[in-house]
Amino acid sequence: MDLANMLAEAEAKRSGGNYAGAVADYDQVLAFDPECRAALVGRGHAQSHLDETERTLADYTKALQLDPCDARLWAQRGLVHLRRKARRAAIEDNSQAIELGLEEPGWYNERALIREEAGNLDG
């Protein structure tokens, strides 16, 4: 099976709610191509559903190193930081997402709520 088909199979499992199966498939893709950004992001999403916060954070971080202009992924990584109670990191990632052009009002509200809960954290 080629990489594109392996990736498609992993995506289908993730979309269908088979998160453990998706992680296993993404692992296979990444064994062939450790810098496959789509596999890193997909595996991160699947791991997030399995409450594997640290692994999710690692995959999102590596994917952002490969493409630092992905506003939505910055916002998603911010949510992972928030689950870890790392509020300053959550605000930084959320702010980066907004700076890159993520224009959904919910992210502005999210950042404001985090700041309020944490006692502002620098503005």
PDB file of N, CA and C in Angstrom:
ATOM      1  N   MET A   1       0.848  -1.174   0.000  1.00  0.00           N
ATOM      2  CA  MET A   1       0.000   0.000   0.000  1.00  0.00           C
ATOM      3  C   MET A   1       0.901   1.247   0.000  1.00  0.00           C
ATOM      4  N   ASP A   2       0.550   2.223  -0.813  1.00  0.00           N
ATOM      5  CA  ASP A   2       1.374   3.433  -0.869  1.00  0.00           C
ATOM      6  C   ASP A   2       0.992   4.397   0.254  1.00  0.00           C
ATOM      7  N   LEU A   3       1.831   5.412   0.440  1.00  0.00           N
ATOM      8  CA  LEU A   3       1.663   6.364   1.539  1.00  0.00           C
ATOM      9  C   LEU A   3       0.327   7.087   1.485  1.00  0.00           C
ATOM     10  N   ALA A   4      -0.097   7.491   0.302  1.00  0.00           N
ATOM     11  CA  ALA A   4      -1.369   8.213   0.163  1.00  0.00           C
ATOM     12  C   ALA A   4      -2.541   7.337   0.614  1.00  0.00           C
ATOM     13  N   ASN A   5      -2.521   6.063   0.253  1.00  0.00           N
ATOM     14  CA  ASN A   5      -3.596   5.156   0.673  1.00  0.00           C
ATOM     15  C   ASN A   5      -3.547   4.895   2.174  1.00  0.00           C
ATOM     16  N   MET A   6      -2.326   4.764   2.715  1.00  0.00           N
ATOM     17  CA  MET A   6      -2.191   4.564   4.161  1.00  0.00           C
ATOM     18  C   MET A   6      -2.742   5.770   4.915  1.00  0.00           C
ATOM     19  N   LEU A   7      -2.437   6.956   4.415  1.00  0.00           N
ATOM     20  CA  LEU A   7      -2.918   8.179   5.040  1.00  0.00           C
ATOM     21  C   LEU A   7      -4.437   8.268   4.940  1.00  0.00           C
ATOM     22  N   ALA A   8      -4.991   7.918   3.791  1.00  0.00           N
ATOM     23  CA  ALA A   8      -6.440   7.941   3.601  1.00  0.00           C
ATOM     24  C   ALA A   8      -7.129   6.960   4.549  1.00  0.00           C
ATOM     25  N   GLU A   9      -6.522   5.803   4.740  1.00  0.00           N
ATOM     26  CA  GLU A   9      -7.097   4.807   5.653  1.00  0.00           C
ATOM     27  C   GLU A   9      -7.080   5.319   7.096  1.00  0.00           C
ATOM     28  N   ALA A  10      -5.987   5.952   7.470  1.00  0.00           N
ATOM     29  CA  ALA A  10      -5.894   6.525   8.822  1.00  0.00           C
ATOM     30  C   ALA A  10      -6.948   7.613   9.012  1.00  0.00           C
ATOM     31  N   GLU A  11      -7.109   8.480   8.006  1.00  0.00           N
ATOM     32  CA  GLU A  11      -8.102   9.556   8.073  1.00  0.00           C
ATOM     33  C   GLU A  11      -9.510   8.982   8.214  1.00  0.00           C
ATOM     34  N   ALA A  12      -9.792   7.926   7.467  1.00  0.00           N
ATOM     35  CA  ALA A  12     -11.114   7.299   7.534  1.00  0.00           C
ATOM     36  C   ALA A  12     -11.380   6.733   8.927  1.00  0.00           C
ATOM     37  N   LYS A  13     -10.385   6.101   9.511  1.00  0.00           N
ATOM     38  CA  LYS A  13     -10.559   5.559  10.864  1.00  0.00           C
ATOM     39  C   LYS A  13     -10.788   6.678  11.867  1.00  0.00           C
ATOM     40  N   ARG A  14     -10.005   7.757  11.735  1.00  0.00           N
ATOM     41  CA  ARG A  14     -10.178   8.879  12.666  1.00  0.00           C
ATOM     42  C   ARG A  14     -11.562   9.494  12.515  1.00  0.00           C
ATOM     43  N   SER A  15     -11.981   9.720  11.274  1.00  0.00           N
ATOM     44  CA  SER A  15     -13.298  10.302  11.012  1.00  0.00           C
ATOM     45  C   SER A  15     -14.414   9.403  11.523  1.00  0.00           C
ATOM     46  N   GLY A  16     -14.176   8.107  11.498  1.00  0.00           N
ATOM     47  CA  GLY A  16     -15.172   7.147  11.972  1.00  0.00           C
ATOM     48  C   GLY A  16     -15.137   6.897  13.467  1.00  0.00           C
ATOM     49  N   GLY A  17     -14.232   7.553  14.172  1.00  0.00           N
ATOM     50  CA  GLY A  17     -14.166   7.404  15.621  1.00  0.00           C
ATOM     51  C   GLY A  17     -13.270   6.285  16.112  1.00  0.00           C
ATOM     52  N   ASN A  18     -12.572   5.610  15.213  1.00  0.00           N
ATOM     53  CA  ASN A  18     -11.630   4.555  15.604  1.00  0.00           C
ATOM     54  C   ASN A  18     -10.266   5.213  15.832  1.00  0.00           C
ATOM     55  N   TYR A  19     -10.140   5.919  16.951  1.00  0.00           N
ATOM     56  CA  TYR A  19      -8.956   6.731  17.198  1.00  0.00           C
ATOM     57  C   TYR A  19      -7.699   5.893  17.427  1.00  0.00           C
ATOM     58  N   ALA A  20      -7.828   4.787  18.144  1.00  0.00           N
ATOM     59  CA  ALA A  20      -6.660   3.929  18.370  1.00  0.00           C
ATOM     60  C   ALA A  20      -6.171   3.333  17.053  1.00  0.00           C
ATOM     61  N   GLY A  21      -7.099   2.898  16.214  1.00  0.00           N
ATOM     62  CA  GLY A  21      -6.725   2.370  14.907  1.00  0.00           C
ATOM     63  C   GLY A  21      -6.084   3.436  14.030  1.00  0.00           C
ATOM     64  N   ALA A  22      -6.618   4.643  14.112  1.00  0.00           N
ATOM     65  CA  ALA A  22      -6.056   5.751  13.338  1.00  0.00           C
ATOM     66  C   ALA A  22      -4.628   6.048  13.784  1.00  0.00           C
ATOM     67  N   VAL A  23      -4.399   6.071  15.100  1.00  0.00           N
ATOM     68  CA  VAL A  23      -3.046   6.331  15.610  1.00  0.00           C
ATOM     69  C   VAL A  23      -2.083   5.281  15.076  1.00  0.00           C
ATOM     70  N   ALA A  24      -2.501   4.018  15.095  1.00  0.00           N
ATOM     71  CA  ALA A  24      -1.634   2.943  14.591  1.00  0.00           C
ATOM     72  C   ALA A  24      -1.322   3.157  13.108  1.00  0.00           C
ATOM     73  N   ASP A  25      -2.315   3.555  12.340  1.00  0.00           N
ATOM     74  CA  ASP A  25      -2.092   3.797  10.910  1.00  0.00           C
ATOM     75  C   ASP A  25      -1.193   5.010  10.680  1.00  0.00           C
ATOM     76  N   TYR A  26      -1.429   6.076  11.438  1.00  0.00           N
ATOM     77  CA  TYR A  26      -0.556   7.256  11.308  1.00  0.00           C
ATOM     78  C   TYR A  26       0.882   6.905  11.700  1.00  0.00           C
ATOM     79  N   ASP A  27       1.031   6.046  12.702  1.00  0.00           N
ATOM     80  CA  ASP A  27       2.380   5.591  13.087  1.00  0.00           C
ATOM     81  C   ASP A  27       3.089   4.941  11.896  1.00  0.00           C
ATOM     82  N   GLN A  28       2.353   4.138  11.133  1.00  0.00           N
ATOM     83  CA  GLN A  28       2.940   3.481   9.964  1.00  0.00           C
ATOM     84  C   GLN A  28       3.350   4.505   8.907  1.00  0.00           C
ATOM     85  N   VAL A  29       2.491   5.500   8.680  1.00  0.00           N
ATOM     86  CA  VAL A  29       2.825   6.541   7.707  1.00  0.00           C
ATOM     87  C   VAL A  29       4.094   7.269   8.151  1.00  0.00           C
ATOM     88  N   LEU A  30       4.150   7.608   9.432  1.00  0.00           N
ATOM     89  CA  LEU A  30       5.291   8.362   9.959  1.00  0.00           C
ATOM     90  C   LEU A  30       6.569   7.522  10.008  1.00  0.00           C
ATOM     91  N   ALA A  31       6.430   6.203  10.038  1.00  0.00           N
ATOM     92  CA  ALA A  31       7.617   5.350   9.963  1.00  0.00           C
ATOM     93  C   ALA A  31       8.277   5.483   8.590  1.00  0.00           C
ATOM     94  N   PHE A  32       7.466   5.686   7.559  1.00  0.00           N
ATOM     95  CA  PHE A  32       7.990   5.886   6.205  1.00  0.00           C
ATOM     96  C   PHE A  32       8.424   7.322   5.962  1.00  0.00           C
ATOM     97  N   ASP A  33       7.660   8.265   6.522  1.00  0.00           N
ATOM     98  CA  ASP A  33       7.938   9.691   6.311  1.00  0.00           C
ATOM     99  C   ASP A  33       7.725  10.443   7.627  1.00  0.00           C
ATOM    100  N   PRO A  34       8.774  10.566   8.445  1.00  0.00           N
ATOM    101  CA  PRO A  34       8.648  11.197   9.758  1.00  0.00           C
ATOM    102  C   PRO A  34       8.223  12.662   9.723  1.00  0.00           C
ATOM    103  N   GLU A  35       8.281  13.279   8.539  1.00  0.00           N
ATOM    104  CA  GLU A  35       7.878  14.676   8.437  1.00  0.00           C
ATOM    105  C   GLU A  35       6.591  14.852   7.634  1.00  0.00           C
ATOM    106  N   CYS A  36       5.782  13.826   7.578  1.00  0.00           N
ATOM    107  CA  CYS A  36       4.483  13.922   6.911  1.00  0.00           C
ATOM    108  C   CYS A  36       3.553  14.737   7.809  1.00  0.00           C
ATOM    109  N   ARG A  37       3.405  15.993   7.446  1.00  0.00           N
ATOM    110  CA  ARG A  37       2.641  16.926   8.275  1.00  0.00           C
ATOM    111  C   ARG A  37       1.191  16.473   8.465  1.00  0.00           C
ATOM    112  N   ALA A  38       0.569  15.975   7.407  1.00  0.00           N
ATOM    113  CA  ALA A  38      -0.821  15.514   7.504  1.00  0.00           C
ATOM    114  C   ALA A  38      -0.951  14.378   8.519  1.00  0.00           C
ATOM    115  N   ALA A  39       0.030  13.488   8.556  1.00  0.00           N
ATOM    116  CA  ALA A  39      -0.003  12.382   9.519  1.00  0.00           C
ATOM    117  C   ALA A  39       0.222  12.889  10.936  1.00  0.00           C
ATOM    118  N   LEU A  40       1.108  13.853  11.106  1.00  0.00           N
ATOM    119  CA  LEU A  40       1.342  14.419  12.441  1.00  0.00           C
ATOM    120  C   LEU A  40       0.086  15.092  12.978  1.00  0.00           C
ATOM    121  N   VAL A  41      -0.557  15.886  12.138  1.00  0.00           N
ATOM    122  CA  VAL A  41      -1.772  16.583  12.564  1.00  0.00           C
ATOM    123  C   VAL A  41      -2.893  15.582  12.820  1.00  0.00           C
ATOM    124  N   GLY A  42      -3.072  14.641  11.911  1.00  0.00           N
ATOM    125  CA  GLY A  42      -4.124  13.637  12.087  1.00  0.00           C
ATOM    126  C   GLY A  42      -3.913  12.793  13.323  1.00  0.00           C
ATOM    127  N   ARG A  43      -2.663  12.360  13.531  1.00  0.00           N
ATOM    128  CA  ARG A  43      -2.379  11.562  14.731  1.00  0.00           C
ATOM    129  C   ARG A  43      -2.605  12.401  15.980  1.00  0.00           C
ATOM    130  N   GLY A  44      -2.218  13.670  15.919  1.00  0.00           N
ATOM    131  CA  GLY A  44      -2.470  14.556  17.059  1.00  0.00           C
ATOM    132  C   GLY A  44      -3.952  14.658  17.371  1.00  0.00           C
ATOM    133  N   HIS A  45      -4.777  14.820  16.332  1.00  0.00           N
ATOM    134  CA  HIS A  45      -6.228  14.896  16.548  1.00  0.00           C
ATOM    135  C   HIS A  45      -6.748  13.600  17.179  1.00  0.00           C
ATOM    136  N   ALA A  46      -6.310  12.463  16.644  1.00  0.00           N
ATOM    137  CA  ALA A  46      -6.764  11.173  17.176  1.00  0.00           C
ATOM    138  C   ALA A  46      -6.314  10.998  18.618  1.00  0.00           C
ATOM    139  N   GLN A  47      -5.060  11.339  18.904  1.00  0.00           N
ATOM    140  CA  GLN A  47      -4.537  11.218  20.275  1.00  0.00           C
ATOM    141  C   GLN A  47      -5.288  12.134  21.230  1.00  0.00           C
ATOM    142  N   SER A  48      -5.699  13.282  20.742  1.00  0.00           N
ATOM    143  CA  SER A  48      -6.468  14.205  21.568  1.00  0.00           C
ATOM    144  C   SER A  48      -7.763  13.549  22.043  1.00  0.00           C
ATOM    145  N   HIS A  49      -8.405  12.802  21.146  1.00  0.00           N
ATOM    146  CA  HIS A  49      -9.642  12.101  21.517  1.00  0.00           C
ATOM    147  C   HIS A  49      -9.376  10.968  22.503  1.00  0.00           C
ATOM    148  N   LEU A  50      -8.142  10.500  22.540  1.00  0.00           N
ATOM    149  CA  LEU A  50      -7.768   9.433  23.477  1.00  0.00           C
ATOM    150  C   LEU A  50      -7.165   9.990  24.767  1.00  0.00           C
ATOM    151  N   ASP A  51      -7.230  11.322  24.921  1.00  0.00           N
ATOM    152  CA  ASP A  51      -6.675  12.025  26.093  1.00  0.00           C
ATOM    153  C   ASP A  51      -5.177  11.797  26.259  1.00  0.00           C
ATOM    154  N   GLU A  52      -4.471  11.650  25.164  1.00  0.00           N
ATOM    155  CA  GLU A  52      -3.009  11.524  25.180  1.00  0.00           C
ATOM    156  C   GLU A  52      -2.420  12.910  24.936  1.00  0.00           C
ATOM    157  N   THR A  53      -2.561  13.753  25.955  1.00  0.00           N
ATOM    158  CA  THR A  53      -2.260  15.177  25.826  1.00  0.00           C
ATOM    159  C   THR A  53      -0.813  15.445  25.440  1.00  0.00           C
ATOM    160  N   GLU A  54       0.132  14.797  26.074  1.00  0.00           N
ATOM    161  CA  GLU A  54       1.544  15.074  25.792  1.00  0.00           C
ATOM    162  C   GLU A  54       1.926  14.651  24.382  1.00  0.00           C
ATOM    163  N   ARG A  55       1.407  13.508  23.936  1.00  0.00           N
ATOM    164  CA  ARG A  55       1.698  13.062  22.570  1.00  0.00           C
ATOM    165  C   ARG A  55       1.036  13.987  21.547  1.00  0.00           C
ATOM    166  N   THR A  56      -0.177  14.440  21.864  1.00  0.00           N
ATOM    167  CA  THR A  56      -0.859  15.393  20.988  1.00  0.00           C
ATOM    168  C   THR A  56      -0.028  16.657  20.851  1.00  0.00           C
ATOM    169  N   LEU A  57       0.421  17.172  21.975  1.00  0.00           N
ATOM    170  CA  LEU A  57       1.221  18.391  21.986  1.00  0.00           C
ATOM    171  C   LEU A  57       2.505  18.210  21.163  1.00  0.00           C
ATOM    172  N   ALA A  58       3.155  17.071  21.303  1.00  0.00           N
ATOM    173  CA  ALA A  58       4.392  16.812  20.559  1.00  0.00           C
ATOM    174  C   ALA A  58       4.137  16.781  19.050  1.00  0.00           C
ATOM    175  N   ASP A  59       3.047  16.126  18.636  1.00  0.00           N
ATOM    176  CA  ASP A  59       2.747  16.060  17.202  1.00  0.00           C
ATOM    177  C   ASP A  59       2.369  17.434  16.644  1.00  0.00           C
ATOM    178  N   TYR A  60       1.556  18.177  17.365  1.00  0.00           N
ATOM    179  CA  TYR A  60       1.183  19.518  16.900  1.00  0.00           C
ATOM    180  C   TYR A  60       2.410  20.421  16.830  1.00  0.00           C
ATOM    181  N   THR A  61       3.297  20.297  17.802  1.00  0.00           N
ATOM    182  CA  THR A  61       4.503  21.127  17.813  1.00  0.00           C
ATOM    183  C   THR A  61       5.373  20.819  16.603  1.00  0.00           C
ATOM    184  N   LYS A  62       5.564  19.542  16.303  1.00  0.00           N
ATOM    185  CA  LYS A  62       6.385  19.174  15.145  1.00  0.00           C
ATOM    186  C   LYS A  62       5.719  19.640  13.851  1.00  0.00           C
ATOM    187  N   ALA A  63       4.404  19.504  13.762  1.00  0.00           N
ATOM    188  CA  ALA A  63       3.688  19.957  12.567  1.00  0.00           C
ATOM    189  C   ALA A  63       3.815  21.466  12.399  1.00  0.00           C
ATOM    190  N   LEU A  64       3.792  22.204  13.502  1.00  0.00           N
ATOM    191  CA  LEU A  64       3.948  23.657  13.430  1.00  0.00           C
ATOM    192  C   LEU A  64       5.372  24.050  13.055  1.00  0.00           C
ATOM    193  N   GLN A  65       6.337  23.243  13.410  1.00  0.00           N
ATOM    194  CA  GLN A  65       7.714  23.503  12.971  1.00  0.00           C
ATOM    195  C   GLN A  65       7.821  23.357  11.456  1.00  0.00           C
ATOM    196  N   LEU A  66       7.043  22.432  10.898  1.00  0.00           N
ATOM    197  CA  LEU A  66       7.050  22.212   9.457  1.00  0.00           C
ATOM    198  C   LEU A  66       6.263  23.282   8.709  1.00  0.00           C
ATOM    199  N   ASP A  67       5.224  23.811   9.344  1.00  0.00           N
ATOM    200  CA  ASP A  67       4.416  24.878   8.735  1.00  0.00           C
ATOM    201  C   ASP A  67       3.940  25.820   9.841  1.00  0.00           C
ATOM    202  N   PRO A  68       4.734  26.823  10.167  1.00  0.00           N
ATOM    203  CA  PRO A  68       4.387  27.734  11.258  1.00  0.00           C
ATOM    204  C   PRO A  68       3.275  28.726  10.913  1.00  0.00           C
ATOM    205  N   CYS A  69       2.711  28.643   9.721  1.00  0.00           N
ATOM    206  CA  CYS A  69       1.665  29.587   9.315  1.00  0.00           C
ATOM    207  C   CYS A  69       0.256  29.002   9.416  1.00  0.00           C
ATOM    208  N   ASP A  70       0.105  27.866  10.050  1.00  0.00           N
ATOM    209  CA  ASP A  70      -1.205  27.211  10.173  1.00  0.00           C
ATOM    210  C   ASP A  70      -1.929  27.760  11.406  1.00  0.00           C
ATOM    211  N   ALA A  71      -2.731  28.790  11.199  1.00  0.00           N
ATOM    212  CA  ALA A  71      -3.407  29.467  12.306  1.00  0.00           C
ATOM    213  C   ALA A  71      -4.301  28.520  13.104  1.00  0.00           C
ATOM    214  N   ARG A  72      -5.044  27.686  12.404  1.00  0.00           N
ATOM    215  CA  ARG A  72      -5.968  26.780  13.106  1.00  0.00           C
ATOM    216  C   ARG A  72      -5.198  25.805  14.008  1.00  0.00           C
ATOM    217  N   LEU A  73      -4.059  25.329  13.551  1.00  0.00           N
ATOM    218  CA  LEU A  73      -3.289  24.394  14.373  1.00  0.00           C
ATOM    219  C   LEU A  73      -2.704  25.091  15.596  1.00  0.00           C
ATOM    220  N   TRP A  74      -2.297  26.361  15.449  1.00  0.00           N
ATOM    221  CA  TRP A  74      -1.850  27.113  16.634  1.00  0.00           C
ATOM    222  C   TRP A  74      -2.984  27.166  17.658  1.00  0.00           C
ATOM    223  N   ALA A  75      -4.199  27.435  17.183  1.00  0.00           N
ATOM    224  CA  ALA A  75      -5.344  27.514  18.087  1.00  0.00           C
ATOM    225  C   ALA A  75      -5.615  26.154  18.739  1.00  0.00           C
ATOM    226  N   GLN A  76      -5.518  25.095  17.959  1.00  0.00           N
ATOM    227  CA  GLN A  76      -5.756  23.761  18.511  1.00  0.00           C
ATOM    228  C   GLN A  76      -4.689  23.391  19.533  1.00  0.00           C
ATOM    229  N   ARG A  77      -3.439  23.742  19.250  1.00  0.00           N
ATOM    230  CA  ARG A  77      -2.391  23.466  20.235  1.00  0.00           C
ATOM    231  C   ARG A  77      -2.640  24.280  21.500  1.00  0.00           C
ATOM    232  N   GLY A  78      -3.151  25.484  21.340  1.00  0.00           N
ATOM    233  CA  GLY A  78      -3.506  26.286  22.505  1.00  0.00           C
ATOM    234  C   GLY A  78      -4.532  25.583  23.391  1.00  0.00           C
ATOM    235  N   LEU A  79      -5.485  24.919  22.774  1.00  0.00           N
ATOM    236  CA  LEU A  79      -6.479  24.170  23.553  1.00  0.00           C
ATOM    237  C   LEU A  79      -5.843  23.006  24.309  1.00  0.00           C
ATOM    238  N   VAL A  80      -4.843  22.397  23.700  1.00  0.00           N
ATOM    239  CA  VAL A  80      -4.123  21.314  24.388  1.00  0.00           C
ATOM    240  C   VAL A  80      -3.399  21.889  25.607  1.00  0.00           C
ATOM    241  N   HIS A  81      -2.753  23.030  25.429  1.00  0.00           N
ATOM    242  CA  HIS A  81      -2.094  23.675  26.565  1.00  0.00           C
ATOM    243  C   HIS A  81      -3.108  23.982  27.666  1.00  0.00           C
ATOM    244  N   LEU A  82      -4.272  24.436  27.269  1.00  0.00           N
ATOM    245  CA  LEU A  82      -5.307  24.761  28.256  1.00  0.00           C
ATOM    246  C   LEU A  82      -5.710  23.520  29.051  1.00  0.00           C
ATOM    247  N   ARG A  83      -5.840  22.377  28.378  1.00  0.00           N
ATOM    248  CA  ARG A  83      -6.155  21.130  29.093  1.00  0.00           C
ATOM    249  C   ARG A  83      -5.069  20.758  30.087  1.00  0.00           C
ATOM    250  N   ARG A  84      -3.833  21.174  29.784  1.00  0.00           N
ATOM    251  CA  ARG A  84      -2.699  20.900  30.685  1.00  0.00           C
ATOM    252  C   ARG A  84      -2.585  21.966  31.775  1.00  0.00           C
ATOM    253  N   LYS A  85      -3.498  22.931  31.769  1.00  0.00           N
ATOM    254  CA  LYS A  85      -3.491  24.059  32.713  1.00  0.00           C
ATOM    255  C   LYS A  85      -2.288  24.976  32.489  1.00  0.00           C
ATOM    256  N   ALA A  86      -1.722  24.940  31.289  1.00  0.00           N
ATOM    257  CA  ALA A  86      -0.613  25.818  30.920  1.00  0.00           C
ATOM    258  C   ALA A  86      -1.223  27.052  30.254  1.00  0.00           C
ATOM    259  N   ARG A  87      -1.785  27.920  31.068  1.00  0.00           N
ATOM    260  CA  ARG A  87      -2.569  29.038  30.544  1.00  0.00           C
ATOM    261  C   ARG A  87      -1.744  30.032  29.740  1.00  0.00           C
ATOM    262  N   ARG A  88      -0.552  30.338  30.189  1.00  0.00           N
ATOM    263  CA  ARG A  88       0.277  31.291  29.445  1.00  0.00           C
ATOM    264  C   ARG A  88       0.571  30.745  28.037  1.00  0.00           C
ATOM    265  N   ALA A  89       0.921  29.468  27.955  1.00  0.00           N
ATOM    266  CA  ALA A  89       1.186  28.857  26.648  1.00  0.00           C
ATOM    267  C   ALA A  89      -0.086  28.840  25.798  1.00  0.00           C
ATOM    268  N   ALA A  90      -1.230  28.608  26.433  1.00  0.00           N
ATOM    269  CA  ALA A  90      -2.501  28.616  25.703  1.00  0.00           C
ATOM    270  C   ALA A  90      -2.766  29.998  25.113  1.00  0.00           C
ATOM    271  N   ILE A  91      -2.529  31.033  25.894  1.00  0.00           N
ATOM    272  CA  ILE A  91      -2.738  32.401  25.408  1.00  0.00           C
ATOM    273  C   ILE A  91      -1.761  32.723  24.279  1.00  0.00           C
ATOM    274  N   GLU A  92      -0.511  32.319  24.435  1.00  0.00           N
ATOM    275  CA  GLU A  92       0.484  32.589  23.390  1.00  0.00           C
ATOM    276  C   GLU A  92       0.097  31.930  22.069  1.00  0.00           C
ATOM    277  N   ASP A  93      -0.324  30.669  22.132  1.00  0.00           N
ATOM    278  CA  ASP A  93      -0.712  29.980  20.901  1.00  0.00           C
ATOM    279  C   ASP A  93      -1.979  30.585  20.312  1.00  0.00           C
ATOM    280  N   ASN A  94      -2.933  30.906  21.155  1.00  0.00           N
ATOM    281  CA  ASN A  94      -4.173  31.519  20.697  1.00  0.00           C
ATOM    282  C   ASN A  94      -3.883  32.873  20.044  1.00  0.00           C
ATOM    283  N   SER A  95      -2.993  33.652  20.661  1.00  0.00           N
ATOM    284  CA  SER A  95      -2.624  34.952  20.096  1.00  0.00           C
ATOM    285  C   SER A  95      -1.920  34.784  18.750  1.00  0.00           C
ATOM    286  N   GLN A  96      -1.071  33.756  18.635  1.00  0.00           N
ATOM    287  CA  GLN A  96      -0.391  33.489  17.366  1.00  0.00           C
ATOM    288  C   GLN A  96      -1.413  33.145  16.290  1.00  0.00           C
ATOM    289  N   ALA A  97      -2.414  32.360  16.641  1.00  0.00           N
ATOM    290  CA  ALA A  97      -3.455  31.995  15.675  1.00  0.00           C
ATOM    291  C   ALA A  97      -4.184  33.240  15.178  1.00  0.00           C
ATOM    292  N   ILE A  98      -4.508  34.123  16.095  1.00  0.00           N
ATOM    293  CA  ILE A  98      -5.203  35.354  15.719  1.00  0.00           C
ATOM    294  C   ILE A  98      -4.301  36.233  14.860  1.00  0.00           C
ATOM    295  N   GLU A  99      -3.039  36.333  15.239  1.00  0.00           N
ATOM    296  CA  GLU A  99      -2.085  37.137  14.473  1.00  0.00           C
ATOM    297  C   GLU A  99      -1.932  36.614  13.036  1.00  0.00           C
ATOM    298  N   LEU A 100      -2.028  35.301  12.882  1.00  0.00           N
ATOM    299  CA  LEU A 100      -1.904  34.697  11.559  1.00  0.00           C
ATOM    300  C   LEU A 100      -3.194  34.791  10.738  1.00  0.00           C
ATOM    301  N   GLY A 101      -4.228  35.330  11.352  1.00  0.00           N
ATOM    302  CA  GLY A 101      -5.434  35.576  10.579  1.00  0.00           C
ATOM    303  C   GLY A 101      -6.631  34.718  10.910  1.00  0.00           C
ATOM    304  N   LEU A 102      -6.589  33.938  11.964  1.00  0.00           N
ATOM    305  CA  LEU A 102      -7.770  33.165  12.353  1.00  0.00           C
ATOM    306  C   LEU A 102      -8.815  34.165  12.842  1.00  0.00           C
ATOM    307  N   GLU A 103      -9.886  34.287  12.101  1.00  0.00           N
ATOM    308  CA  GLU A 103     -10.835  35.362  12.374  1.00  0.00           C
ATOM    309  C   GLU A 103     -12.137  34.903  12.983  1.00  0.00           C
ATOM    310  N   GLU A 104     -12.148  33.757  13.579  1.00  0.00           N
ATOM    311  CA  GLU A 104     -13.363  33.283  14.218  1.00  0.00           C
ATOM    312  C   GLU A 104     -13.487  33.939  15.590  1.00  0.00           C
ATOM    313  N   PRO A 105     -14.587  34.633  15.855  1.00  0.00           N
ATOM    314  CA  PRO A 105     -14.734  35.362  17.125  1.00  0.00           C
ATOM    315  C   PRO A 105     -14.551  34.483  18.358  1.00  0.00           C
ATOM    316  N   GLY A 106     -14.838  33.225  18.237  1.00  0.00           N
ATOM    317  CA  GLY A 106     -14.696  32.330  19.383  1.00  0.00           C
ATOM    318  C   GLY A 106     -13.288  32.287  19.954  1.00  0.00           C
ATOM    319  N   TRP A 107     -12.267  32.429  19.090  1.00  0.00           N
ATOM    320  CA  TRP A 107     -10.892  32.381  19.574  1.00  0.00           C
ATOM    321  C   TRP A 107     -10.539  33.626  20.375  1.00  0.00           C
ATOM    322  N   TYR A 108     -11.101  34.782  19.990  1.00  0.00           N
ATOM    323  CA  TYR A 108     -10.897  35.998  20.785  1.00  0.00           C
ATOM    324  C   TYR A 108     -11.556  35.831  22.147  1.00  0.00           C
ATOM    325  N   ASN A 109     -12.757  35.280  22.150  1.00  0.00           N
ATOM    326  CA  ASN A 109     -13.472  35.049  23.408  1.00  0.00           C
ATOM    327  C   ASN A 109     -12.726  34.056  24.288  1.00  0.00           C
ATOM    328  N   GLU A 110     -12.221  32.994  23.655  1.00  0.00           N
ATOM    329  CA  GLU A 110     -11.456  31.974  24.395  1.00  0.00           C
ATOM    330  C   GLU A 110     -10.253  32.605  25.078  1.00  0.00           C
ATOM    331  N   ARG A 111      -9.515  33.423  24.335  1.00  0.00           N
ATOM    332  CA  ARG A 111      -8.327  34.069  24.898  1.00  0.00           C
ATOM    333  C   ARG A 111      -8.725  34.986  26.060  1.00  0.00           C
ATOM    334  N   ALA A 112      -9.800  35.730  25.906  1.00  0.00           N
ATOM    335  CA  ALA A 112     -10.255  36.626  26.974  1.00  0.00           C
ATOM    336  C   ALA A 112     -10.648  35.839  28.217  1.00  0.00           C
ATOM    337  N   LEU A 113     -11.322  34.715  28.040  1.00  0.00           N
ATOM    338  CA  LEU A 113     -11.728  33.899  29.183  1.00  0.00           C
ATOM    339  C   LEU A 113     -10.523  33.298  29.899  1.00  0.00           C
ATOM    340  N   ILE A 114      -9.533  32.854  29.137  1.00  0.00           N
ATOM    341  CA  ILE A 114      -8.321  32.294  29.754  1.00  0.00           C
ATOM    342  C   ILE A 114      -7.624  33.376  30.566  1.00  0.00           C
ATOM    343  N   ARG A 115      -7.501  34.553  29.986  1.00  0.00           N
ATOM    344  CA  ARG A 115      -6.838  35.662  30.682  1.00  0.00           C
ATOM    345  C   ARG A 115      -7.585  36.025  31.953  1.00  0.00           C
ATOM    346  N   GLU A 116      -8.887  36.083  31.866  1.00  0.00           N
ATOM    347  CA  GLU A 116      -9.689  36.427  33.037  1.00  0.00           C
ATOM    348  C   GLU A 116      -9.521  35.394  34.132  1.00  0.00           C
ATOM    349  N   GLU A 117      -9.585  34.131  33.764  1.00  0.00           N
ATOM    350  CA  GLU A 117      -9.445  33.042  34.740  1.00  0.00           C
ATOM    351  C   GLU A 117      -8.072  33.057  35.388  1.00  0.00           C
ATOM    352  N   ALA A 118      -7.039  33.393  34.593  1.00  0.00           N
ATOM    353  CA  ALA A 118      -5.671  33.325  35.087  1.00  0.00           C
ATOM    354  C   ALA A 118      -5.190  34.639  35.698  1.00  0.00           C
ATOM    355  N   GLY A 119      -6.059  35.625  35.764  1.00  0.00           N
ATOM    356  CA  GLY A 119      -5.631  36.889  36.347  1.00  0.00           C
ATOM    357  C   GLY A 119      -4.842  37.742  35.374  1.00  0.00           C
ATOM    358  N   ASN A 120      -5.252  37.726  34.110  1.00  0.00           N
ATOM    359  CA  ASN A 120      -4.763  38.526  32.993  1.00  0.00           C
ATOM    360  C   ASN A 120      -3.536  37.941  32.292  1.00  0.00           C
ATOM    361  N   LEU A 121      -2.485  37.578  32.966  1.00  0.00           N
ATOM    362  CA  LEU A 121      -1.273  37.055  32.321  1.00  0.00           C
ATOM    363  C   LEU A 121      -0.773  37.986  31.218  1.00  0.00           C
ATOM    364  N   ASP A 122      -0.470  39.177  31.583  1.00  0.00           N
ATOM    365  CA  ASP A 122       0.150  40.157  30.689  1.00  0.00           C
ATOM    366  C   ASP A 122      -0.738  40.627  29.540  1.00  0.00           C
ATOM    367  N   GLY A 123      -1.934  40.999  29.845  1.00  0.00           N
ATOM    368  CA  GLY A 123      -2.687  41.741  28.870  1.00  0.00           C
ATOM    369  C   GLY A 123      -3.628  41.112  28.003  1.00  0.00           C
TER     370      GLY A 123
END
